[in-house]
Amino acid sequence: MLYLAEVQKQKGGLLGGGKTQLKLLACQRTDQSWSTVSEEVIAAEEAGKLSDGVLVLVEMNPNRHVQRIQEAGRPLVNILQNFSRLLEKFKVKEEEIDQWKQSLTFQAQELNRREIDMEARLEELQQMEAQQQELETSREEIEKLQTESLSNRQELEGAWDHLRGEQRRFEEYKAQYQHSAVLDEEQSRALNELLAQLLKSVAPTETVREHLNFAFEMLESQQAILNPHWQQLQQQKTAVNQQQEEVERQSQELSERQREWQQAQNSLEQQIAELKVNTATVERKQEYARALKEQLRHQEELHQKIHLFAATIVDVIPTRKVDVAALEKIPLEQLQDMVPDLQQKLNIDSRFVHEQEQELKEKQKNIEQLQQKINQASQPERGFLEVELADEKDLYQMLNETLVGQRRNLLERQYIFKQHQTLLLRRQGKTLVNEQEETNIDLKSILLEIEIQRQQQSQELENLEREIEQMRANIEQMHEVIAQQRQQQETQRDLLQTMEQNLFLLQTVTAESRGRLNLYYEALQPLQDCVDGMRQKLQGIAESLASVQETGEYQLQAVAQIRQTLLSLI
């Protein structure tokens, strides 16, 4: 488990020997989150090289043993960067939630307003239903008047039939008594009674006319009530048509912007695909560069080994010459003392170079292990491991450059010791038991060929690294452009979502307005049809009443003429 800890160093006494401890502050959970822990202090001599108060990341096994310690500076920076990005995302989500809250508040207000409108419409419909009931009452009264008028007409037709019969009888009497100038008293009384009955049978039309006029007035009042509703219906129809035009305009604008957004999204996806291709190309070139570096390292090792081997070959001439003539002149005892001293110094230098080479091999192993860890590590740990790898490579390079001069000095000491030893043995009259024969191997040409290849590959590596850097710069620029375009696309997408929501709200409002308009029309049209039907019926009754009134006037004229005739006869 990974812990965040603070290095604490306890000061020792006069003789030193202070202890190094780690104070655990927080631990990392399986979900990459961190939580505080109880202030536990553990001993860790591995952190003795670190300063007091330094924050470190400690990896411990289940047995609470420290496995690895690393400084927490760069990982903490990565964690804080991730936390900042999470805060930005949370801020964007909060803004989206606020927008949704505002939209829901607006929808609730709109629904409340529509509910109030529906209640007002319901009250108007209830009033119209009451008016419709009054119209039904008026229609019943008119139908009653129409029935009475029909019965009066039937009575009038019966009276007319009776009058016609009396006229026929009168004509018969007149033909029978045409030679007499007067009527007797009994005949006059009978005719007067008949005329009185005829006058009584004339139907009065004033009452019917008054009811009919009242019905017309009621009908006109109903029409006056309906007219403002028809005007309001026309206004609402105009408003609904305007809303429908606005819906079509916004829908067309939304379609156009969605098409532009899709084109921009396709272009962005092409750029992302191109970025992936360039990234893959850079990775391949980096792999090739690493292979070149590895090859150069092997060539450097081969060059060093050949150069070391050349110490035993006569073709390799050290930079410092041996004065053989001077050695021939010095006493033999002095030469015998010089050879062991040179051999002892040679052994010391050989051990030192060997230790340095062993340390160089250990550095190389550490570099390979760190590279394997980087390939297997997660993103937060990779940055810290890469920094550690860079430090190890710098140490390796510095140690390798130091060994170049040390190897050269060792070769010179070997050459000088060999010359002194050979001269001593020759002056003593001895020969080397394991003396090797001179060889004619030309190692200079081999070393020169290796050096030429190293220079060519170094130039190729330099060009490749320069090309990789240029491609990295282009990739970084593409990353910035793509990030900017992504931000613009997200902004445009949010704007499109807002437009879709507004369009949906407008479509909903338009549909509801059209539904209320249809409901209003369906409620008004039956009332208007009823008023129009009542008007037609009342006009028919008025025409019938005029006909009845005309017939009654004709009947009165006929009775007056008969009475005058009777008076003349009497």
Protein backbone atom coordinates (compact mmCIF):
# COMPACT_ATOMS: atom_id res chain seq x y z
CA MET A 1 0.00 0.00 0.00
CA LEU A 2 1.20 3.52 -0.78
CA TYR A 3 1.49 6.06 2.06
CA LEU A 4 2.30 9.76 2.25
CA ALA A 5 4.77 10.32 5.10
CA GLU A 6 7.02 12.97 6.63
CA VAL A 7 10.69 12.31 7.37
CA GLN A 8 11.56 12.91 11.03
CA LYS A 9 15.13 12.73 12.27
CA GLN A 10 15.87 12.43 15.96
CA LYS A 11 19.05 14.11 17.08
CA GLY A 12 21.50 11.78 18.82
CA GLY A 13 23.75 12.47 21.74
CA LEU A 14 27.28 13.68 21.70
CA LEU A 15 28.35 10.61 19.79
CA GLY A 16 25.71 11.03 17.09
CA GLY A 17 23.65 8.06 15.92
CA GLY A 18 20.28 9.81 15.47
CA LYS A 19 17.37 7.68 14.23
CA THR A 20 15.35 8.34 11.07
CA GLN A 21 11.59 7.78 11.27
CA LEU A 22 8.60 8.22 8.98
CA LYS A 23 5.39 9.81 10.22
CA LEU A 24 2.48 8.39 8.19
CA LEU A 25 0.01 11.10 7.13
CA ALA A 26 -2.31 9.55 4.49
CA CYS A 27 -2.78 6.36 2.50
CA GLN A 28 -3.98 5.64 -1.02
CA ARG A 29 -7.11 3.51 -1.44
CA THR A 30 -7.86 1.09 -4.24
CA ASP A 31 -9.98 3.73 -6.03
CA GLN A 32 -6.95 6.11 -6.26
CA SER A 33 -8.42 8.27 -3.48
CA TRP A 34 -6.50 9.38 -0.38
CA SER A 35 -7.61 9.34 3.23
CA THR A 36 -5.93 10.41 6.45
CA VAL A 37 -4.56 7.84 8.86
CA SER A 38 -3.70 7.93 12.51
CA GLU A 39 -0.36 9.58 13.10
CA GLU A 40 1.75 6.44 13.14
CA VAL A 41 5.55 6.59 13.26
CA ILE A 42 7.68 3.81 11.80
CA ALA A 43 11.42 3.39 11.67
CA ALA A 44 13.03 3.73 8.26
CA GLU A 45 16.79 3.85 8.01
CA GLU A 46 16.40 3.90 4.20
CA ALA A 47 15.35 7.55 4.48
CA GLY A 48 18.55 8.57 6.26
CA LYS A 49 19.82 10.44 3.19
CA LEU A 50 16.71 12.64 3.07
CA SER A 51 16.34 15.91 4.97
CA ASP A 52 14.16 16.38 8.01
CA GLY A 53 10.56 17.38 7.21
CA VAL A 54 10.63 16.15 3.59
CA LEU A 55 7.41 14.61 2.29
CA VAL A 56 7.89 11.17 0.72
CA LEU A 57 5.79 8.38 -0.78
CA VAL A 58 6.34 5.09 1.02
CA GLU A 59 5.32 1.73 -0.42
CA MET A 60 4.84 -0.93 2.29
CA ASN A 61 3.90 -4.59 2.15
CA PRO A 62 1.10 -6.11 4.29
CA ASN A 63 3.68 -6.81 7.03
CA ARG A 64 4.30 -3.06 7.40
CA HIS A 65 7.83 -3.30 6.00
CA VAL A 66 9.12 -0.48 3.83
CA GLN A 67 9.72 -1.60 0.24
CA ARG A 68 10.44 1.66 -1.54
CA ILE A 69 10.77 5.37 -0.66
CA GLN A 70 10.56 8.23 -3.11
CA GLU A 71 10.19 11.97 -2.80
CA ALA A 72 6.56 13.10 -3.06
CA GLY A 73 7.11 16.42 -4.86
CA ARG A 74 6.27 15.46 -8.44
CA PRO A 75 3.52 12.89 -7.57
CA LEU A 76 1.85 15.51 -5.35
CA VAL A 77 1.95 17.97 -8.26
CA ASN A 78 0.27 15.34 -10.48
CA ILE A 79 -2.35 14.65 -7.81
CA LEU A 80 -3.06 18.38 -7.42
CA GLN A 81 -3.35 18.76 -11.20
CA ASN A 82 -5.84 15.88 -11.33
CA PHE A 83 -7.73 17.46 -8.44
CA SER A 84 -7.83 20.81 -10.30
CA ARG A 85 -9.20 19.09 -13.39
CA LEU A 86 -11.86 17.36 -11.27
CA LEU A 87 -12.81 20.73 -9.75
CA GLU A 88 -13.20 22.21 -13.24
CA LYS A 89 -15.41 19.28 -14.26
CA PHE A 90 -17.50 19.67 -11.11
CA LYS A 91 -17.85 23.40 -11.86
CA VAL A 92 -19.08 22.63 -15.38
CA LYS A 93 -21.55 20.07 -13.98
CA GLU A 94 -22.83 22.61 -11.44
CA GLU A 95 -23.39 25.14 -14.23
CA GLU A 96 -25.33 22.50 -16.20
CA ILE A 97 -27.41 21.71 -13.11
CA ASP A 98 -28.14 25.44 -12.61
CA GLN A 99 -29.25 25.68 -16.24
CA TRP A 100 -31.54 22.69 -15.79
CA LYS A 101 -32.94 24.24 -12.60
CA GLN A 102 -33.67 27.50 -14.44
CA SER A 103 -35.28 25.55 -17.28
CA LEU A 104 -37.43 23.55 -14.85
CA THR A 105 -38.42 26.75 -13.01
CA PHE A 106 -39.43 28.33 -16.29
CA GLN A 107 -41.43 25.24 -17.23
CA ALA A 108 -43.17 25.23 -13.83
CA GLN A 109 -44.06 28.91 -14.23
CA GLU A 110 -45.34 28.24 -17.74
CA LEU A 111 -47.43 25.31 -16.49
CA ASN A 112 -48.90 27.46 -13.69
CA ARG A 113 -49.76 30.18 -16.19
CA ARG A 114 -51.39 27.66 -18.50
CA GLU A 115 -53.32 26.17 -15.57
CA ILE A 116 -54.65 29.65 -14.73
CA ASP A 117 -55.61 30.17 -18.40
CA MET A 118 -57.39 26.82 -18.45
CA GLU A 119 -59.31 27.73 -15.30
CA ALA A 120 -60.34 31.04 -16.90
CA ARG A 121 -61.40 29.20 -20.06
CA LEU A 122 -63.34 26.74 -17.92
CA GLU A 123 -65.20 29.61 -16.24
CA GLU A 124 -65.98 31.11 -19.65
CA LEU A 125 -67.24 27.73 -20.86
CA GLN A 126 -69.42 27.44 -17.75
CA GLN A 127 -70.87 30.89 -18.48
CA MET A 128 -71.44 29.88 -22.07
CA GLU A 129 -73.19 26.70 -20.89
CA ALA A 130 -75.45 28.86 -18.72
CA GLN A 131 -76.19 31.08 -21.70
CA GLN A 132 -76.85 27.98 -23.76
CA GLN A 133 -79.38 26.86 -21.12
CA GLU A 134 -81.09 30.27 -21.39
CA LEU A 135 -81.19 29.81 -25.17
CA GLU A 136 -82.72 26.40 -24.68
CA THR A 137 -85.39 27.98 -22.45
CA SER A 138 -86.07 30.65 -25.07
CA ARG A 139 -86.26 28.00 -27.75
CA GLU A 140 -88.80 26.08 -25.68
CA GLU A 141 -90.90 29.25 -25.29
CA ILE A 142 -90.65 29.93 -29.02
CA GLU A 143 -91.69 26.35 -29.79
CA LYS A 144 -94.63 26.82 -27.38
CA LEU A 145 -95.61 30.06 -29.19
CA GLN A 146 -95.22 28.27 -32.49
CA THR A 147 -97.59 25.53 -31.26
CA GLU A 148 -100.11 28.12 -30.10
CA SER A 149 -99.84 29.94 -33.44
CA LEU A 150 -100.43 26.66 -35.26
CA SER A 151 -103.52 25.94 -33.15
CA ASN A 152 -104.80 29.48 -33.77
CA ARG A 153 -104.21 29.00 -37.47
CA GLN A 154 -106.21 25.78 -37.38
CA GLU A 155 -109.04 27.56 -35.50
CA LEU A 156 -108.88 30.39 -38.04
CA GLU A 157 -109.11 27.96 -40.92
CA GLY A 158 -112.15 26.37 -39.23
CA ALA A 159 -113.72 29.80 -38.83
CA TRP A 160 -113.03 30.54 -42.47
CA ASP A 161 -114.68 27.28 -43.48
CA HIS A 162 -117.66 28.18 -41.33
CA LEU A 163 -117.70 31.66 -42.88
CA ARG A 164 -117.60 30.26 -46.35
CA GLY A 165 -120.53 27.99 -45.46
CA GLU A 166 -122.47 30.93 -44.13
CA GLN A 167 -121.62 32.86 -47.28
CA ARG A 168 -122.96 30.04 -49.38
CA ARG A 169 -126.11 29.94 -47.33
CA PHE A 170 -126.29 33.68 -47.52
CA GLU A 171 -126.03 33.46 -51.29
CA GLU A 172 -128.79 30.89 -51.25
CA TYR A 173 -130.90 33.15 -49.08
CA LYS A 174 -130.09 36.02 -51.33
CA ALA A 175 -131.10 34.03 -54.41
CA GLN A 176 -134.28 32.88 -52.69
CA TYR A 177 -135.26 36.27 -51.44
CA GLN A 178 -133.78 38.40 -54.17
CA HIS A 179 -137.20 39.83 -54.93
CA SER A 180 -137.68 40.97 -51.34
CA ALA A 181 -135.93 44.07 -50.11
CA VAL A 182 -135.60 43.32 -46.40
CA LEU A 183 -134.92 40.47 -43.94
CA ASP A 184 -137.13 39.53 -41.11
CA GLU A 185 -136.03 39.89 -37.49
CA GLU A 186 -135.17 36.25 -36.95
CA GLN A 187 -132.87 36.13 -39.96
CA SER A 188 -131.13 39.33 -38.92
CA ARG A 189 -130.47 37.98 -35.44
CA ALA A 190 -129.05 34.73 -36.83
CA LEU A 191 -126.77 36.58 -39.19
CA ASN A 192 -125.55 38.93 -36.41
CA GLU A 193 -124.77 35.96 -34.18
CA LEU A 194 -122.80 34.38 -36.99
CA LEU A 195 -120.88 37.61 -37.56
CA ALA A 196 -120.14 37.91 -33.81
CA GLN A 197 -118.77 34.34 -33.76
CA LEU A 198 -116.70 35.12 -36.78
CA LEU A 199 -115.23 38.21 -35.09
CA LYS A 200 -114.44 36.19 -31.96
CA SER A 201 -112.63 33.56 -34.05
CA VAL A 202 -110.12 36.11 -35.33
CA ALA A 203 -106.79 35.22 -33.58
CA PRO A 204 -105.01 38.05 -31.73
CA THR A 205 -101.33 38.42 -32.83
CA GLU A 206 -100.08 41.13 -30.46
CA THR A 207 -99.06 38.71 -27.69
CA VAL A 208 -97.31 36.41 -30.14
CA ARG A 209 -95.55 39.42 -31.65
CA GLU A 210 -94.34 40.53 -28.22
CA HIS A 211 -92.95 37.05 -27.40
CA LEU A 212 -91.35 36.89 -30.81
CA ASN A 213 -89.67 40.27 -30.36
CA PHE A 214 -88.47 39.21 -26.90
CA ALA A 215 -87.02 36.03 -28.42
CA PHE A 216 -85.23 38.12 -31.08
CA GLU A 217 -83.81 40.37 -28.37
CA MET A 218 -82.58 37.36 -26.39
CA LEU A 219 -81.03 35.94 -29.54
CA GLU A 220 -79.21 39.19 -30.32
CA SER A 221 -77.92 39.42 -26.75
CA GLN A 222 -76.56 35.89 -27.07
CA GLN A 223 -74.93 36.84 -30.37
CA ALA A 224 -73.44 39.95 -28.72
CA ILE A 225 -71.93 37.68 -26.04
CA LEU A 226 -70.51 35.31 -28.67
CA ASN A 227 -68.97 38.04 -30.86
CA PRO A 228 -66.10 38.96 -28.42
CA HIS A 229 -65.29 35.28 -28.09
CA TRP A 230 -65.09 34.95 -31.87
CA GLN A 231 -62.79 37.97 -31.99
CA GLN A 232 -60.61 36.51 -29.25
CA LEU A 233 -60.58 33.19 -31.11
CA GLN A 234 -59.34 34.97 -34.24
CA GLN A 235 -56.62 36.75 -32.26
CA GLN A 236 -55.49 33.48 -30.71
CA LYS A 237 -55.46 31.87 -34.13
CA THR A 238 -53.20 34.66 -35.43
CA ALA A 239 -50.90 34.25 -32.40
CA VAL A 240 -50.75 30.47 -32.90
CA ASN A 241 -49.85 30.94 -36.56
CA GLN A 242 -47.05 33.33 -35.56
CA GLN A 243 -45.80 30.79 -33.01
CA GLN A 244 -45.86 28.10 -35.69
CA GLU A 245 -43.80 30.32 -38.01
CA GLU A 246 -41.31 30.90 -35.17
CA VAL A 247 -41.14 27.14 -34.57
CA GLU A 248 -40.37 26.51 -38.24
CA ARG A 249 -37.72 29.28 -38.25
CA GLN A 250 -36.01 27.96 -35.12
CA SER A 251 -36.22 24.39 -36.41
CA GLN A 252 -34.53 25.40 -39.67
CA GLU A 253 -31.84 27.36 -37.78
CA LEU A 254 -31.27 24.39 -35.44
CA SER A 255 -30.92 22.01 -38.40
CA GLU A 256 -28.39 24.34 -40.04
CA ARG A 257 -26.32 24.64 -36.87
CA GLN A 258 -26.46 20.91 -36.26
CA ARG A 259 -25.16 20.32 -39.79
CA GLU A 260 -22.31 22.80 -39.22
CA TRP A 261 -21.53 21.18 -35.85
CA GLN A 262 -21.44 17.74 -37.45
CA GLN A 263 -19.07 18.98 -40.17
CA ALA A 264 -16.80 20.49 -37.51
CA GLN A 265 -17.01 17.23 -35.51
CA ASN A 266 -16.00 15.21 -38.59
CA SER A 267 -13.03 17.55 -39.13
CA LEU A 268 -12.08 17.19 -35.46
CA GLU A 269 -12.22 13.40 -35.70
CA GLN A 270 -9.97 13.52 -38.78
CA GLN A 271 -7.48 15.67 -36.86
CA ILE A 272 -7.62 13.24 -33.93
CA ALA A 273 -6.95 10.33 -36.30
CA GLU A 274 -4.04 12.26 -37.83
CA LEU A 275 -2.75 12.98 -34.31
CA LYS A 276 -2.89 9.27 -33.48
CA VAL A 277 -0.93 8.46 -36.67
CA ASN A 278 1.70 11.10 -35.83
CA THR A 279 1.88 9.85 -32.24
CA ALA A 280 2.38 6.28 -33.45
CA THR A 281 5.07 7.51 -35.87
CA VAL A 282 6.86 9.34 -33.05
CA GLU A 283 6.67 6.24 -30.87
CA ARG A 284 8.21 4.15 -33.66
CA LYS A 285 10.96 6.72 -34.15
CA GLN A 286 11.54 6.78 -30.40
CA GLU A 287 11.85 3.00 -30.42
CA TYR A 288 14.36 3.29 -33.24
CA ALA A 289 16.22 6.03 -31.33
CA ARG A 290 16.36 3.81 -28.24
CA ALA A 291 17.70 0.98 -30.41
CA LEU A 292 20.37 3.34 -31.80
CA LYS A 293 21.28 4.43 -28.29
CA GLU A 294 21.54 0.79 -27.23
CA GLN A 295 23.71 0.03 -30.24
CA LEU A 296 25.94 3.03 -29.48
CA ARG A 297 26.24 1.81 -25.90
CA HIS A 298 27.29 -1.65 -27.10
CA GLN A 299 29.78 -0.09 -29.49
CA GLU A 300 31.16 1.99 -26.62
CA GLU A 301 31.57 -1.17 -24.54
CA LEU A 302 33.19 -2.95 -27.50
CA HIS A 303 35.48 0.01 -28.06
CA GLN A 304 36.48 -0.01 -24.40
CA LYS A 305 37.10 -3.75 -24.40
CA ILE A 306 39.21 -3.59 -27.56
CA HIS A 307 41.10 -0.63 -26.18
CA LEU A 308 41.68 -2.57 -22.95
CA PHE A 309 42.85 -5.58 -24.92
CA ALA A 310 45.16 -3.36 -26.91
CA ALA A 311 47.19 -2.79 -23.76
CA THR A 312 48.90 -6.15 -24.37
CA ILE A 313 49.44 -5.46 -28.05
CA VAL A 314 52.54 -3.65 -29.21
CA ASP A 315 50.65 -1.78 -31.87
CA VAL A 316 48.92 0.35 -29.25
CA ILE A 317 51.40 3.03 -28.19
CA PRO A 318 50.64 4.95 -24.99
CA THR A 319 50.94 8.66 -24.86
CA ARG A 320 53.78 8.53 -22.30
CA LYS A 321 57.01 6.99 -23.69
CA VAL A 322 59.51 4.85 -21.72
CA ASP A 323 63.15 5.94 -21.89
CA VAL A 324 64.80 2.52 -22.41
CA ALA A 325 68.30 3.99 -22.73
CA ALA A 326 68.01 5.67 -19.32
CA LEU A 327 66.78 2.41 -17.80
CA GLU A 328 69.82 0.61 -19.26
CA LYS A 329 72.12 2.99 -17.40
CA ILE A 330 70.55 2.80 -13.92
CA PRO A 331 71.85 0.17 -11.46
CA LEU A 332 70.21 -3.23 -11.54
CA GLU A 333 69.26 -3.01 -7.87
CA GLN A 334 67.39 0.23 -8.48
CA LEU A 335 65.58 -1.35 -11.45
CA GLN A 336 64.65 -4.35 -9.28
CA ASP A 337 63.12 -1.96 -6.72
CA MET A 338 61.22 -0.01 -9.42
CA VAL A 339 59.50 -3.08 -10.95
CA PRO A 340 57.61 -4.22 -7.75
CA ASP A 341 56.65 -0.62 -7.03
CA LEU A 342 55.18 -0.26 -10.54
CA GLN A 343 53.40 -3.62 -10.16
CA GLN A 344 51.84 -2.54 -6.85
CA LYS A 345 50.59 0.73 -8.35
CA LEU A 346 49.28 -1.22 -11.35
CA ASN A 347 47.36 -3.59 -9.08
CA ILE A 348 45.82 -0.65 -7.17
CA ASP A 349 44.71 1.04 -10.40
CA SER A 350 43.40 -2.28 -11.77
CA ARG A 351 41.27 -2.87 -8.67
CA PHE A 352 39.93 0.69 -8.77
CA VAL A 353 39.03 0.45 -12.48
CA HIS A 354 37.44 -2.96 -11.88
CA GLU A 355 35.31 -1.56 -9.05
CA GLN A 356 34.27 1.38 -11.21
CA GLU A 357 33.31 -0.98 -14.05
CA GLN A 358 31.30 -3.11 -11.63
CA GLU A 359 29.51 0.02 -10.43
CA LEU A 360 28.89 0.98 -14.06
CA LYS A 361 27.31 -2.43 -14.66
CA GLU A 362 25.10 -1.97 -11.59
CA LYS A 363 24.00 1.42 -12.93
CA GLN A 364 23.12 -0.22 -16.22
CA LYS A 365 21.06 -2.87 -14.41
CA ASN A 366 19.25 -0.16 -12.44
CA ILE A 367 18.45 1.69 -15.67
CA GLU A 368 17.03 -1.48 -17.23
CA GLN A 369 14.95 -2.22 -14.12
CA LEU A 370 13.60 1.36 -14.03
CA GLN A 371 12.71 1.13 -17.71
CA GLN A 372 10.76 -2.09 -17.04
CA LYS A 373 8.96 -0.42 -14.11
CA ILE A 374 8.05 2.55 -16.31
CA ASN A 375 6.56 0.23 -18.93
CA GLN A 376 4.42 -1.48 -16.25
CA ALA A 377 3.67 1.52 -13.97
CA SER A 378 0.44 3.53 -13.89
CA GLN A 379 0.20 7.11 -15.07
CA PRO A 380 0.70 8.85 -11.64
CA GLU A 381 3.87 6.83 -10.85
CA ARG A 382 5.33 7.02 -14.36
CA GLY A 383 6.36 10.68 -14.05
CA PHE A 384 8.36 10.07 -10.88
CA LEU A 385 10.01 6.97 -12.35
CA GLU A 386 10.99 8.86 -15.51
CA VAL A 387 12.71 11.54 -13.40
CA GLU A 388 14.54 8.83 -11.48
CA LEU A 389 15.53 7.17 -14.76
CA ALA A 390 16.93 10.45 -16.10
CA ASP A 391 19.02 10.88 -12.93
CA GLU A 392 20.37 7.33 -13.23
CA LYS A 393 21.30 7.92 -16.87
CA ASP A 394 23.15 11.12 -15.96
CA LEU A 395 25.12 9.26 -13.26
CA TYR A 396 25.89 6.45 -15.72
CA GLN A 397 27.15 8.89 -18.33
CA MET A 398 29.30 10.78 -15.83
CA LEU A 399 30.81 7.53 -14.47
CA ASN A 400 31.43 6.23 -17.99
CA GLU A 401 33.23 9.44 -19.03
CA THR A 402 35.35 9.21 -15.87
CA LEU A 403 36.31 5.61 -16.68
CA VAL A 404 37.56 6.55 -20.15
CA GLY A 405 40.56 8.42 -18.71
CA GLN A 406 41.08 5.88 -15.98
CA ARG A 407 41.24 3.05 -18.52
CA ARG A 408 43.72 5.04 -20.58
CA ASN A 409 45.94 5.61 -17.52
CA LEU A 410 45.69 1.91 -16.64
CA LEU A 411 46.82 0.95 -20.14
CA GLU A 412 49.81 3.30 -19.87
CA ARG A 413 50.78 1.85 -16.50
CA GLN A 414 50.50 -1.68 -17.92
CA TYR A 415 52.71 -0.69 -20.85
CA ILE A 416 55.30 1.00 -18.59
CA PHE A 417 55.33 -1.98 -16.18
CA LYS A 418 55.76 -4.38 -19.09
CA GLN A 419 58.68 -2.38 -20.47
CA HIS A 420 60.41 -2.23 -17.08
CA GLN A 421 59.78 -5.94 -16.44
CA THR A 422 61.10 -6.95 -19.87
CA LEU A 423 64.23 -4.84 -19.43
CA LEU A 424 64.85 -6.23 -15.93
CA LEU A 425 64.54 -9.82 -17.12
CA ARG A 426 66.85 -9.13 -20.03
CA ARG A 427 69.48 -7.52 -17.81
CA GLN A 428 69.17 -10.50 -15.42
CA GLY A 429 69.64 -12.88 -18.35
CA LYS A 430 66.14 -14.39 -17.92
CA THR A 431 63.22 -14.86 -20.25
CA LEU A 432 59.43 -14.76 -19.48
CA VAL A 433 57.94 -18.19 -19.12
CA ASN A 434 54.58 -17.10 -20.63
CA GLU A 435 56.03 -14.59 -23.05
CA GLN A 436 53.74 -14.20 -25.97
CA GLU A 437 54.82 -13.73 -29.47
CA GLU A 438 54.27 -10.41 -31.11
CA THR A 439 51.31 -10.25 -33.28
CA ASN A 440 50.66 -8.20 -36.29
CA ILE A 441 47.04 -7.46 -35.48
CA ASP A 442 46.21 -3.93 -36.51
CA LEU A 443 43.77 -2.84 -33.79
CA LYS A 444 44.01 0.80 -34.74
CA SER A 445 42.03 0.24 -37.93
CA ILE A 446 39.38 -1.68 -35.95
CA LEU A 447 39.10 1.10 -33.42
CA LEU A 448 39.00 3.67 -36.22
CA GLU A 449 36.23 1.73 -38.00
CA ILE A 450 34.25 1.52 -34.74
CA GLU A 451 34.74 5.24 -34.17
CA ILE A 452 33.53 6.05 -37.70
CA GLN A 453 30.42 3.92 -37.21
CA ARG A 454 29.81 5.58 -33.85
CA GLN A 455 30.05 9.02 -35.43
CA GLN A 456 27.67 8.06 -38.25
CA GLN A 457 25.17 6.55 -35.85
CA SER A 458 25.53 9.50 -33.48
CA GLN A 459 24.76 11.87 -36.35
CA GLU A 460 21.81 9.71 -37.37
CA LEU A 461 20.62 9.64 -33.75
CA GLU A 462 21.00 13.41 -33.51
CA ASN A 463 18.99 13.94 -36.70
CA LEU A 464 16.39 11.46 -35.50
CA GLU A 465 16.08 13.16 -32.12
CA ARG A 466 15.78 16.55 -33.81
CA GLU A 467 13.06 15.15 -36.06
CA ILE A 468 11.32 13.61 -33.02
CA GLU A 469 11.46 16.94 -31.19
CA GLN A 470 9.97 18.72 -34.19
CA MET A 471 7.21 16.11 -34.46
CA ARG A 472 6.60 16.41 -30.71
CA ALA A 473 6.25 20.16 -31.08
CA ASN A 474 3.78 19.63 -33.92
CA ILE A 475 1.90 17.07 -31.82
CA GLU A 476 1.76 19.49 -28.89
CA GLN A 477 0.44 22.19 -31.21
CA MET A 478 -2.11 19.74 -32.58
CA HIS A 479 -3.08 18.85 -29.00
CA GLU A 480 -3.69 22.51 -28.25
CA VAL A 481 -5.68 23.03 -31.46
CA ILE A 482 -7.73 19.87 -30.82
CA ALA A 483 -8.34 20.86 -27.19
CA GLN A 484 -9.49 24.31 -28.33
CA GLN A 485 -11.73 22.79 -31.00
CA ARG A 486 -13.11 20.31 -28.47
CA GLN A 487 -13.93 23.18 -26.13
CA GLN A 488 -15.63 25.02 -28.99
CA GLN A 489 -17.52 21.86 -29.95
CA GLU A 490 -18.67 21.36 -26.35
CA THR A 491 -19.79 25.00 -26.20
CA GLN A 492 -21.64 24.63 -29.51
CA ARG A 493 -23.15 21.36 -28.31
CA ASP A 494 -24.39 23.02 -25.12
CA LEU A 495 -25.81 25.85 -27.24
CA LEU A 496 -27.53 23.32 -29.51
CA GLN A 497 -28.99 21.55 -26.48
CA THR A 498 -30.29 24.88 -25.19
CA MET A 499 -31.78 25.63 -28.60
CA GLU A 500 -33.38 22.16 -28.69
CA GLN A 501 -34.87 22.73 -25.24
CA ASN A 502 -36.20 26.16 -26.24
CA LEU A 503 -37.58 24.74 -29.48
CA PHE A 504 -39.22 21.88 -27.57
CA LEU A 505 -40.77 24.33 -25.12
CA LEU A 506 -41.99 26.51 -27.99
CA GLN A 507 -43.40 23.46 -29.79
CA THR A 508 -45.12 22.40 -26.57
CA VAL A 509 -46.56 25.87 -26.05
CA THR A 510 -47.70 26.02 -29.69
CA ALA A 511 -49.30 22.56 -29.50
CA GLU A 512 -51.08 23.47 -26.27
CA SER A 513 -52.22 26.80 -27.74
CA ARG A 514 -53.51 25.03 -30.84
CA GLY A 515 -55.27 22.47 -28.63
CA ARG A 516 -56.90 25.25 -26.59
CA LEU A 517 -57.82 26.99 -29.85
CA ASN A 518 -59.47 23.84 -31.18
CA LEU A 519 -61.23 23.30 -27.87
CA TYR A 520 -62.39 26.91 -27.88
CA TYR A 521 -63.64 26.55 -31.45
CA GLU A 522 -65.40 23.28 -30.65
CA ALA A 523 -67.11 24.98 -27.71
CA LEU A 524 -68.12 28.14 -29.65
CA GLN A 525 -69.24 26.57 -32.91
CA PRO A 526 -72.16 24.53 -31.44
CA LEU A 527 -73.39 27.64 -29.62
CA GLN A 528 -73.15 29.67 -32.83
CA ASP A 529 -74.94 26.92 -34.76
CA CYS A 530 -77.66 26.89 -32.09
CA VAL A 531 -78.05 30.69 -32.31
CA ASP A 532 -78.17 30.56 -36.12
CA GLY A 533 -80.76 27.77 -36.01
CA MET A 534 -82.85 29.71 -33.51
CA ARG A 535 -82.64 32.78 -35.74
CA GLN A 536 -83.87 30.81 -38.76
CA LYS A 537 -86.75 29.36 -36.77
CA LEU A 538 -87.72 32.77 -35.38
CA GLN A 539 -87.62 34.25 -38.86
CA GLY A 540 -89.92 31.44 -40.05
CA ILE A 541 -92.28 32.12 -37.14
CA ALA A 542 -92.23 35.84 -37.95
CA GLU A 543 -93.13 35.11 -41.56
CA SER A 544 -95.94 32.79 -40.42
CA LEU A 545 -97.16 35.40 -37.96
CA ALA A 546 -97.24 38.03 -40.70
CA SER A 547 -99.28 35.65 -42.88
CA VAL A 548 -101.70 35.01 -39.98
CA GLN A 549 -102.02 38.74 -39.32
CA GLU A 550 -102.73 39.40 -43.00
CA THR A 551 -105.38 36.67 -43.04
CA GLY A 552 -107.01 38.14 -39.91
CA GLU A 553 -107.17 41.59 -41.47
CA TYR A 554 -108.73 40.13 -44.60
CA GLN A 555 -111.24 38.30 -42.38
CA LEU A 556 -112.17 41.54 -40.57
CA GLN A 557 -112.66 43.30 -43.89
CA ALA A 558 -114.89 40.49 -45.07
CA VAL A 559 -116.97 40.63 -41.87
CA ALA A 560 -117.32 44.40 -42.21
CA GLN A 561 -118.53 43.99 -45.81
CA ILE A 562 -121.02 41.31 -44.75
CA ARG A 563 -122.29 43.51 -41.91
CA GLN A 564 -122.78 46.42 -44.31
CA THR A 565 -124.67 44.11 -46.67
CA LEU A 566 -126.85 42.89 -43.82
CA LEU A 567 -127.57 46.45 -42.76
CA SER A 568 -128.63 47.29 -46.24
CA LEU A 569 -130.87 44.24 -46.33
CA ILE A 570 -132.33 44.92 -42.92
